[in-house]
PDB file of all heavy atoms in Angstrom:
ATOM      1  N   LEU A   1      -1.795   6.421  -8.213  1.00  0.00           N
ATOM      2  CA  LEU A   1      -1.270   7.591  -7.511  1.00  0.00           C
ATOM      3  C   LEU A   1      -1.149   7.314  -6.012  1.00  0.00           C
ATOM      4  O   LEU A   1      -0.210   7.779  -5.354  1.00  0.00           O
ATOM      5  CB  LEU A   1      -2.162   8.803  -7.775  1.00  0.00           C
ATOM      6  CG  LEU A   1      -1.646  10.157  -7.324  1.00  0.00           C
ATOM      7  CD1 LEU A   1      -0.290  10.454  -7.943  1.00  0.00           C
ATOM      8  CD2 LEU A   1      -2.623  11.253  -7.690  1.00  0.00           C
ATOM      9  N   VAL A   2      -2.099   6.558  -5.456  1.00  0.00           N
ATOM     10  CA  VAL A   2      -1.992   6.144  -4.052  1.00  0.00           C
ATOM     11  C   VAL A   2      -0.734   5.300  -3.845  1.00  0.00           C
ATOM     12  O   VAL A   2       0.015   5.492  -2.873  1.00  0.00           O
ATOM     13  CB  VAL A   2      -3.259   5.360  -3.627  1.00  0.00           C
ATOM     14  CG1 VAL A   2      -3.061   4.711  -2.279  1.00  0.00           C
ATOM     15  CG2 VAL A   2      -4.467   6.273  -3.598  1.00  0.00           C
ATOM     16  N   LEU A   3      -0.473   4.371  -4.768  1.00  0.00           N
ATOM     17  CA  LEU A   3       0.746   3.558  -4.679  1.00  0.00           C
ATOM     18  C   LEU A   3       1.996   4.440  -4.762  1.00  0.00           C
ATOM     19  O   LEU A   3       2.969   4.228  -4.021  1.00  0.00           O
ATOM     20  CB  LEU A   3       0.757   2.515  -5.799  1.00  0.00           C
ATOM     21  CG  LEU A   3       2.007   1.641  -5.902  1.00  0.00           C
ATOM     22  CD1 LEU A   3       2.204   0.812  -4.643  1.00  0.00           C
ATOM     23  CD2 LEU A   3       1.933   0.761  -7.132  1.00  0.00           C
ATOM     24  N   ALA A   4       1.967   5.446  -5.627  1.00  0.00           N
ATOM     25  CA  ALA A   4       3.114   6.355  -5.738  1.00  0.00           C
ATOM     26  C   ALA A   4       3.327   7.129  -4.440  1.00  0.00           C
ATOM     27  O   ALA A   4       4.470   7.322  -4.004  1.00  0.00           O
ATOM     28  CB  ALA A   4       2.899   7.316  -6.912  1.00  0.00           C
ATOM     29  N   PHE A   5       2.236   7.573  -3.812  1.00  0.00           N
ATOM     30  CA  PHE A   5       2.368   8.294  -2.536  1.00  0.00           C
ATOM     31  C   PHE A   5       2.949   7.395  -1.449  1.00  0.00           C
ATOM     32  O   PHE A   5       3.808   7.826  -0.670  1.00  0.00           O
ATOM     33  CB  PHE A   5       1.010   8.844  -2.097  1.00  0.00           C
ATOM     34  CG  PHE A   5       0.581  10.063  -2.854  1.00  0.00           C
ATOM     35  CD1 PHE A   5      -0.758  10.345  -3.012  1.00  0.00           C
ATOM     36  CD2 PHE A   5       1.510  10.930  -3.391  1.00  0.00           C
ATOM     37  CE1 PHE A   5      -1.160  11.478  -3.704  1.00  0.00           C
ATOM     38  CE2 PHE A   5       1.126  12.062  -4.075  1.00  0.00           C
ATOM     39  CZ  PHE A   5      -0.217  12.337  -4.239  1.00  0.00           C
ATOM     40  N   PHE A   6       2.468   6.163  -1.360  1.00  0.00           N
ATOM     41  CA  PHE A   6       3.002   5.242  -0.355  1.00  0.00           C
ATOM     42  C   PHE A   6       4.496   4.983  -0.578  1.00  0.00           C
ATOM     43  O   PHE A   6       5.275   4.955   0.377  1.00  0.00           O
ATOM     44  CB  PHE A   6       2.238   3.912  -0.398  1.00  0.00           C
ATOM     45  CG  PHE A   6       1.062   3.869   0.530  1.00  0.00           C
ATOM     46  CD1 PHE A   6      -0.226   3.769   0.029  1.00  0.00           C
ATOM     47  CD2 PHE A   6       1.235   3.933   1.901  1.00  0.00           C
ATOM     48  CE1 PHE A   6      -1.314   3.737   0.879  1.00  0.00           C
ATOM     49  CE2 PHE A   6       0.151   3.896   2.756  1.00  0.00           C
ATOM     50  CZ  PHE A   6      -1.123   3.800   2.239  1.00  0.00           C
ATOM     51  N   THR A   7       4.886   4.800  -1.842  1.00  0.00           N
ATOM     52  CA  THR A   7       6.294   4.526  -2.125  1.00  0.00           C
ATOM     53  C   THR A   7       7.159   5.746  -1.833  1.00  0.00           C
ATOM     54  O   THR A   7       8.279   5.616  -1.308  1.00  0.00           O
ATOM     55  CB  THR A   7       6.449   4.101  -3.592  1.00  0.00           C
ATOM     56  OG1 THR A   7       5.460   3.109  -3.899  1.00  0.00           O
ATOM     57  CG2 THR A   7       7.808   3.511  -3.843  1.00  0.00           C
ATOM     58  N   ALA A   8       6.653   6.948  -2.153  1.00  0.00           N
ATOM     59  CA  ALA A   8       7.406   8.162  -1.845  1.00  0.00           C
ATOM     60  C   ALA A   8       7.562   8.340  -0.342  1.00  0.00           C
ATOM     61  O   ALA A   8       8.620   8.772   0.139  1.00  0.00           O
ATOM     62  CB  ALA A   8       6.714   9.378  -2.458  1.00  0.00           C
ATOM     63  N   SER A   9       6.533   7.992   0.414  1.00  0.00           N
ATOM     64  CA  SER A   9       6.661   8.088   1.875  1.00  0.00           C
ATOM     65  C   SER A   9       7.676   7.078   2.406  1.00  0.00           C
ATOM     66  O   SER A   9       8.402   7.363   3.365  1.00  0.00           O
ATOM     67  CB  SER A   9       5.300   7.879   2.537  1.00  0.00           C
ATOM     68  OG  SER A   9       4.859   6.545   2.350  1.00  0.00           O
ATOM     69  N   ALA A  10       7.768   5.905   1.770  1.00  0.00           N
ATOM     70  CA  ALA A  10       8.788   4.933   2.187  1.00  0.00           C
ATOM     71  C   ALA A  10      10.192   5.468   1.897  1.00  0.00           C
ATOM     72  O   ALA A  10      11.111   5.279   2.698  1.00  0.00           O
ATOM     73  CB  ALA A  10       8.560   3.605   1.466  1.00  0.00           C
ATOM     74  N   ILE A  11      10.352   6.156   0.770  1.00  0.00           N
ATOM     75  CA  ILE A  11      11.660   6.743   0.458  1.00  0.00           C
ATOM     76  C   ILE A  11      11.991   7.840   1.464  1.00  0.00           C
ATOM     77  O   ILE A  11      13.140   7.985   1.899  1.00  0.00           O
ATOM     78  CB  ILE A  11      11.665   7.270  -0.988  1.00  0.00           C
ATOM     79  CG1 ILE A  11      11.620   6.093  -1.962  1.00  0.00           C
ATOM     80  CG2 ILE A  11      12.903   8.119  -1.262  1.00  0.00           C
ATOM     81  CD1 ILE A  11      11.506   6.491  -3.409  1.00  0.00           C
ATOM     82  N   TRP A  12      11.002   8.617   1.867  1.00  0.00           N
ATOM     83  CA  TRP A  12      11.249   9.651   2.883  1.00  0.00           C
ATOM     84  C   TRP A  12      11.621   9.024   4.231  1.00  0.00           C
ATOM     85  O   TRP A  12      12.399   9.597   4.984  1.00  0.00           O
ATOM     86  CB  TRP A  12      10.040  10.558   3.026  1.00  0.00           C
ATOM     87  CG  TRP A  12      10.023  11.622   1.977  1.00  0.00           C
ATOM     88  CD1 TRP A  12      11.007  11.912   1.095  1.00  0.00           C
ATOM     89  CD2 TRP A  12       8.969  12.540   1.723  1.00  0.00           C
ATOM     90  NE1 TRP A  12      10.633  12.954   0.299  1.00  0.00           N
ATOM     91  CE2 TRP A  12       9.390  13.354   0.652  1.00  0.00           C
ATOM     92  CE3 TRP A  12       7.722  12.743   2.277  1.00  0.00           C
ATOM     93  CZ2 TRP A  12       8.607  14.374   0.143  1.00  0.00           C
ATOM     94  CZ3 TRP A  12       6.938  13.753   1.761  1.00  0.00           C
ATOM     95  CH2 TRP A  12       7.379  14.556   0.708  1.00  0.00           C
ATOM     96  N   LEU A  13      11.050   7.858   4.527  1.00  0.00           N
ATOM     97  CA  LEU A  13      11.459   7.168   5.745  1.00  0.00           C
ATOM     98  C   LEU A  13      12.927   6.741   5.664  1.00  0.00           C
ATOM     99  O   LEU A  13      13.643   6.783   6.664  1.00  0.00           O
ATOM    100  CB  LEU A  13      10.572   5.941   5.982  1.00  0.00           C
ATOM    101  CG  LEU A  13       9.195   6.209   6.589  1.00  0.00           C
ATOM    102  CD1 LEU A  13       8.396   4.915   6.645  1.00  0.00           C
ATOM    103  CD2 LEU A  13       9.319   6.811   7.967  1.00  0.00           C
ATOM    104  N   LEU A  14      13.358   6.326   4.460  1.00  0.00           N
ATOM    105  CA  LEU A  14      14.772   5.983   4.298  1.00  0.00           C
ATOM    106  C   LEU A  14      15.667   7.204   4.488  1.00  0.00           C
ATOM    107  O   LEU A  14      16.802   7.080   4.944  1.00  0.00           O
ATOM    108  CB  LEU A  14      15.014   5.389   2.906  1.00  0.00           C
ATOM    109  CG  LEU A  14      14.509   3.970   2.669  1.00  0.00           C
ATOM    110  CD1 LEU A  14      14.718   3.573   1.226  1.00  0.00           C
ATOM    111  CD2 LEU A  14      15.201   2.997   3.592  1.00  0.00           C
ATOM    112  N   LEU A  15      15.154   8.377   4.143  1.00  0.00           N
ATOM    113  CA  LEU A  15      15.925   9.612   4.320  1.00  0.00           C
ATOM    114  C   LEU A  15      15.798  10.174   5.735  1.00  0.00           C
ATOM    115  O   LEU A  15      16.251  11.284   5.999  1.00  0.00           O
ATOM    116  CB  LEU A  15      15.459  10.663   3.303  1.00  0.00           C
ATOM    117  CG  LEU A  15      15.712  10.326   1.834  1.00  0.00           C
ATOM    118  CD1 LEU A  15      15.071  11.366   0.933  1.00  0.00           C
ATOM    119  CD2 LEU A  15      17.203  10.250   1.577  1.00  0.00           C
ATOM    120  N   ARG A  16      15.135   9.437   6.608  1.00  0.00           N
ATOM    121  CA  ARG A  16      14.932   9.807   8.012  1.00  0.00           C
ATOM    122  C   ARG A  16      14.107  11.087   8.163  1.00  0.00           C
ATOM    123  O   ARG A  16      14.348  11.890   9.053  1.00  0.00           O
ATOM    124  CB  ARG A  16      16.268   9.933   8.734  1.00  0.00           C
ATOM    125  CG  ARG A  16      16.960   8.600   8.915  1.00  0.00           C
ATOM    126  CD  ARG A  16      18.379   8.730   9.376  1.00  0.00           C
ATOM    127  NE  ARG A  16      19.017   7.418   9.507  1.00  0.00           N
ATOM    128  CZ  ARG A  16      19.492   6.715   8.492  1.00  0.00           C
ATOM    129  NH1 ARG A  16      19.387   7.194   7.270  1.00  0.00           N
ATOM    130  NH2 ARG A  16      20.051   5.540   8.695  1.00  0.00           N
ATOM    131  N   ALA A  17      13.162  11.274   7.257  1.00  0.00           N
ATOM    132  CA  ALA A  17      12.199  12.383   7.364  1.00  0.00           C
ATOM    133  C   ALA A  17      10.852  11.781   7.722  1.00  0.00           C
ATOM    134  O   ALA A  17       9.928  11.698   6.912  1.00  0.00           O
ATOM    135  CB  ALA A  17      12.132  13.173   6.065  1.00  0.00           C
ATOM    136  N   GLU A  18      10.739  11.302   8.963  1.00  0.00           N
ATOM    137  CA  GLU A  18       9.560  10.547   9.384  1.00  0.00           C
ATOM    138  C   GLU A  18       8.292  11.390   9.354  1.00  0.00           C
ATOM    139  O   GLU A  18       7.221  10.914   8.964  1.00  0.00           O
ATOM    140  CB  GLU A  18       9.766   9.984  10.796  1.00  0.00           C
ATOM    141  CG  GLU A  18      10.923   9.031  10.933  1.00  0.00           C
ATOM    142  CD  GLU A  18      12.235   9.715  11.213  1.00  0.00           C
ATOM    143  OE1 GLU A  18      12.228  10.954  11.377  1.00  0.00           O
ATOM    144  OE2 GLU A  18      13.272   9.019  11.240  1.00  0.00           O
ATOM    145  N   PHE A  19       8.414  12.662   9.756  1.00  0.00           N
ATOM    146  CA  PHE A  19       7.223  13.512   9.808  1.00  0.00           C
ATOM    147  C   PHE A  19       6.643  13.722   8.416  1.00  0.00           C
ATOM    148  O   PHE A  19       5.433  13.655   8.223  1.00  0.00           O
ATOM    149  CB  PHE A  19       7.582  14.859  10.448  1.00  0.00           C
ATOM    150  CG  PHE A  19       6.437  15.826  10.482  1.00  0.00           C
ATOM    151  CD1 PHE A  19       5.396  15.655  11.381  1.00  0.00           C
ATOM    152  CD2 PHE A  19       6.391  16.900   9.616  1.00  0.00           C
ATOM    153  CE1 PHE A  19       4.337  16.528  11.405  1.00  0.00           C
ATOM    154  CE2 PHE A  19       5.334  17.781   9.633  1.00  0.00           C
ATOM    155  CZ  PHE A  19       4.309  17.595  10.528  1.00  0.00           C
ATOM    156  N   LEU A  20       7.508  13.974   7.421  1.00  0.00           N
ATOM    157  CA  LEU A  20       7.020  14.170   6.057  1.00  0.00           C
ATOM    158  C   LEU A  20       6.403  12.895   5.506  1.00  0.00           C
ATOM    159  O   LEU A  20       5.390  12.947   4.791  1.00  0.00           O
ATOM    160  CB  LEU A  20       8.170  14.638   5.166  1.00  0.00           C
ATOM    161  CG  LEU A  20       8.695  16.044   5.427  1.00  0.00           C
ATOM    162  CD1 LEU A  20       9.872  16.345   4.527  1.00  0.00           C
ATOM    163  CD2 LEU A  20       7.600  17.072   5.226  1.00  0.00           C
ATOM    164  N   ALA A  21       6.972  11.751   5.832  1.00  0.00           N
ATOM    165  CA  ALA A  21       6.416  10.486   5.348  1.00  0.00           C
ATOM    166  C   ALA A  21       5.028  10.234   5.931  1.00  0.00           C
ATOM    167  O   ALA A  21       4.097   9.869   5.199  1.00  0.00           O
ATOM    168  CB  ALA A  21       7.362   9.344   5.709  1.00  0.00           C
ATOM    169  N   ILE A  22       4.877  10.447   7.219  1.00  0.00           N
ATOM    170  CA  ILE A  22       3.567  10.240   7.850  1.00  0.00           C
ATOM    171  C   ILE A  22       2.560  11.269   7.351  1.00  0.00           C
ATOM    172  O   ILE A  22       1.389  10.954   7.110  1.00  0.00           O
ATOM    173  CB  ILE A  22       3.716  10.284   9.385  1.00  0.00           C
ATOM    174  CG1 ILE A  22       4.543   9.086   9.852  1.00  0.00           C
ATOM    175  CG2 ILE A  22       2.365  10.287  10.066  1.00  0.00           C
ATOM    176  CD1 ILE A  22       4.914   9.133  11.302  1.00  0.00           C
ATOM    177  N   THR A  23       3.004  12.510   7.155  1.00  0.00           N
ATOM    178  CA  THR A  23       2.108  13.543   6.640  1.00  0.00           C
ATOM    179  C   THR A  23       1.644  13.213   5.233  1.00  0.00           C
ATOM    180  O   THR A  23       0.471  13.412   4.888  1.00  0.00           O
ATOM    181  CB  THR A  23       2.824  14.911   6.655  1.00  0.00           C
ATOM    182  OG1 THR A  23       3.260  15.185   7.972  1.00  0.00           O
ATOM    183  CG2 THR A  23       1.907  16.011   6.184  1.00  0.00           C
ATOM    184  N   LEU A  24       2.540  12.693   4.405  1.00  0.00           N
ATOM    185  CA  LEU A  24       2.161  12.321   3.041  1.00  0.00           C
ATOM    186  C   LEU A  24       1.092  11.238   3.046  1.00  0.00           C
ATOM    187  O   LEU A  24       0.120  11.310   2.295  1.00  0.00           O
ATOM    188  CB  LEU A  24       3.399  11.842   2.277  1.00  0.00           C
ATOM    189  CG  LEU A  24       3.173  11.427   0.826  1.00  0.00           C
ATOM    190  CD1 LEU A  24       2.743  12.616  -0.010  1.00  0.00           C
ATOM    191  CD2 LEU A  24       4.415  10.808   0.246  1.00  0.00           C
ATOM    192  N   VAL A  25       1.249  10.253   3.920  1.00  0.00           N
ATOM    193  CA  VAL A  25       0.266   9.169   3.972  1.00  0.00           C
ATOM    194  C   VAL A  25      -1.060   9.680   4.534  1.00  0.00           C
ATOM    195  O   VAL A  25      -2.128   9.415   3.983  1.00  0.00           O
ATOM    196  CB  VAL A  25       0.809   7.993   4.806  1.00  0.00           C
ATOM    197  CG1 VAL A  25      -0.279   6.960   5.062  1.00  0.00           C
ATOM    198  CG2 VAL A  25       1.983   7.350   4.100  1.00  0.00           C
ATOM    199  N   LEU A  26      -1.004  10.435   5.630  1.00  0.00           N
ATOM    200  CA  LEU A  26      -2.249  10.876   6.268  1.00  0.00           C
ATOM    201  C   LEU A  26      -3.003  11.903   5.434  1.00  0.00           C
ATOM    202  O   LEU A  26      -4.216  11.812   5.258  1.00  0.00           O
ATOM    203  CB  LEU A  26      -1.950  11.448   7.653  1.00  0.00           C
ATOM    204  CG  LEU A  26      -1.499  10.454   8.719  1.00  0.00           C
ATOM    205  CD1 LEU A  26      -1.236  11.167  10.022  1.00  0.00           C
ATOM    206  CD2 LEU A  26      -2.539   9.372   8.909  1.00  0.00           C
ATOM    207  N   VAL A  27      -2.280  12.899   4.924  1.00  0.00           N
ATOM    208  CA  VAL A  27      -2.957  13.998   4.229  1.00  0.00           C
ATOM    209  C   VAL A  27      -3.326  13.605   2.813  1.00  0.00           C
ATOM    210  O   VAL A  27      -4.491  13.695   2.411  1.00  0.00           O
ATOM    211  CB  VAL A  27      -2.074  15.261   4.239  1.00  0.00           C
ATOM    212  CG1 VAL A  27      -2.695  16.356   3.399  1.00  0.00           C
ATOM    213  CG2 VAL A  27      -1.874  15.749   5.662  1.00  0.00           C
ATOM    214  N   TYR A  28      -2.345  13.140   2.032  1.00  0.00           N
ATOM    215  CA  TYR A  28      -2.621  12.890   0.620  1.00  0.00           C
ATOM    216  C   TYR A  28      -3.366  11.587   0.393  1.00  0.00           C
ATOM    217  O   TYR A  28      -4.364  11.559  -0.318  1.00  0.00           O
ATOM    218  CB  TYR A  28      -1.319  12.918  -0.178  1.00  0.00           C
ATOM    219  CG  TYR A  28      -0.831  14.313  -0.417  1.00  0.00           C
ATOM    220  CD1 TYR A  28       0.083  14.909   0.435  1.00  0.00           C
ATOM    221  CD2 TYR A  28      -1.314  15.058  -1.481  1.00  0.00           C
ATOM    222  CE1 TYR A  28       0.522  16.201   0.224  1.00  0.00           C
ATOM    223  CE2 TYR A  28      -0.897  16.353  -1.691  1.00  0.00           C
ATOM    224  CZ  TYR A  28       0.028  16.918  -0.835  1.00  0.00           C
ATOM    225  OH  TYR A  28       0.440  18.192  -1.036  1.00  0.00           O
ATOM    226  N   VAL A  29      -2.898  10.508   0.991  1.00  0.00           N
ATOM    227  CA  VAL A  29      -3.578   9.231   0.788  1.00  0.00           C
ATOM    228  C   VAL A  29      -4.888   9.199   1.569  1.00  0.00           C
ATOM    229  O   VAL A  29      -5.916   8.748   1.064  1.00  0.00           O
ATOM    230  CB  VAL A  29      -2.664   8.064   1.202  1.00  0.00           C
ATOM    231  CG1 VAL A  29      -3.379   6.739   1.064  1.00  0.00           C
ATOM    232  CG2 VAL A  29      -1.406   8.069   0.354  1.00  0.00           C
ATOM    233  N   GLY A  30      -4.875   9.713   2.789  1.00  0.00           N
ATOM    234  CA  GLY A  30      -6.069   9.619   3.625  1.00  0.00           C
ATOM    235  C   GLY A  30      -7.157  10.610   3.292  1.00  0.00           C
ATOM    236  O   GLY A  30      -8.327  10.334   3.500  1.00  0.00           O
ATOM    237  N   ALA A  31      -6.815  11.776   2.771  1.00  0.00           N
ATOM    238  CA  ALA A  31      -7.830  12.801   2.536  1.00  0.00           C
ATOM    239  C   ALA A  31      -7.947  13.180   1.069  1.00  0.00           C
ATOM    240  O   ALA A  31      -9.025  13.077   0.468  1.00  0.00           O
ATOM    241  CB  ALA A  31      -7.497  14.047   3.376  1.00  0.00           C
ATOM    242  N   VAL A  32      -6.847  13.610   0.468  1.00  0.00           N
ATOM    243  CA  VAL A  32      -6.918  14.133  -0.891  1.00  0.00           C
ATOM    244  C   VAL A  32      -7.266  13.031  -1.889  1.00  0.00           C
ATOM    245  O   VAL A  32      -8.108  13.225  -2.777  1.00  0.00           O
ATOM    246  CB  VAL A  32      -5.587  14.824  -1.253  1.00  0.00           C
ATOM    247  CG1 VAL A  32      -5.595  15.298  -2.692  1.00  0.00           C
ATOM    248  CG2 VAL A  32      -5.338  15.997  -0.324  1.00  0.00           C
ATOM    249  N   MET A  33      -6.662  11.846  -1.752  1.00  0.00           N
ATOM    250  CA  MET A  33      -6.952  10.784  -2.702  1.00  0.00           C
ATOM    251  C   MET A  33      -8.363  10.240  -2.536  1.00  0.00           C
ATOM    252  O   MET A  33      -8.990   9.834  -3.507  1.00  0.00           O
ATOM    253  CB  MET A  33      -5.927   9.660  -2.561  1.00  0.00           C
ATOM    254  CG  MET A  33      -4.591  10.002  -3.154  1.00  0.00           C
ATOM    255  SD  MET A  33      -4.700  10.700  -4.820  1.00  0.00           S
ATOM    256  CE  MET A  33      -5.566   9.427  -5.686  1.00  0.00           C
ATOM    257  N   VAL A  34      -8.873  10.223  -1.323  1.00  0.00           N
ATOM    258  CA  VAL A  34     -10.273   9.834  -1.131  1.00  0.00           C
ATOM    259  C   VAL A  34     -11.186  10.827  -1.822  1.00  0.00           C
ATOM    260  O   VAL A  34     -12.172  10.455  -2.473  1.00  0.00           O
ATOM    261  CB  VAL A  34     -10.589   9.730   0.376  1.00  0.00           C
ATOM    262  CG1 VAL A  34     -12.075   9.544   0.602  1.00  0.00           C
ATOM    263  CG2 VAL A  34      -9.826   8.579   0.994  1.00  0.00           C
ATOM    264  N   LEU A  35     -10.843  12.112  -1.738  1.00  0.00           N
ATOM    265  CA  LEU A  35     -11.619  13.134  -2.434  1.00  0.00           C
ATOM    266  C   LEU A  35     -11.525  12.951  -3.945  1.00  0.00           C
ATOM    267  O   LEU A  35     -12.539  13.042  -4.660  1.00  0.00           O
ATOM    268  CB  LEU A  35     -11.111  14.523  -2.033  1.00  0.00           C
ATOM    269  CG  LEU A  35     -11.802  15.715  -2.689  1.00  0.00           C
ATOM    270  CD1 LEU A  35     -13.240  15.803  -2.227  1.00  0.00           C
ATOM    271  CD2 LEU A  35     -11.073  16.995  -2.367  1.00  0.00           C
ATOM    272  N   PHE A  36     -10.329  12.666  -4.465  1.00  0.00           N
ATOM    273  CA  PHE A  36     -10.172  12.424  -5.900  1.00  0.00           C
ATOM    274  C   PHE A  36     -11.022  11.242  -6.348  1.00  0.00           C
ATOM    275  O   PHE A  36     -11.723  11.318  -7.355  1.00  0.00           O
ATOM    276  CB  PHE A  36      -8.703  12.154  -6.234  1.00  0.00           C
ATOM    277  CG  PHE A  36      -7.853  13.380  -6.298  1.00  0.00           C
ATOM    278  CD1 PHE A  36      -6.489  13.278  -6.498  1.00  0.00           C
ATOM    279  CD2 PHE A  36      -8.394  14.650  -6.160  1.00  0.00           C
ATOM    280  CE1 PHE A  36      -5.686  14.406  -6.553  1.00  0.00           C
ATOM    281  CE2 PHE A  36      -7.612  15.780  -6.204  1.00  0.00           C
ATOM    282  CZ  PHE A  36      -6.257  15.655  -6.405  1.00  0.00           C
TER     283      PHE A  36
END
């Protein structure tokens, strides 16, 4: 799931949605996945 989040954030970077990509990595990978 961490790999899926990183890849989804890379796709968002391709769509030029930088804020959403960084938020996905920081919030979900950095906090929620650590909790999981």
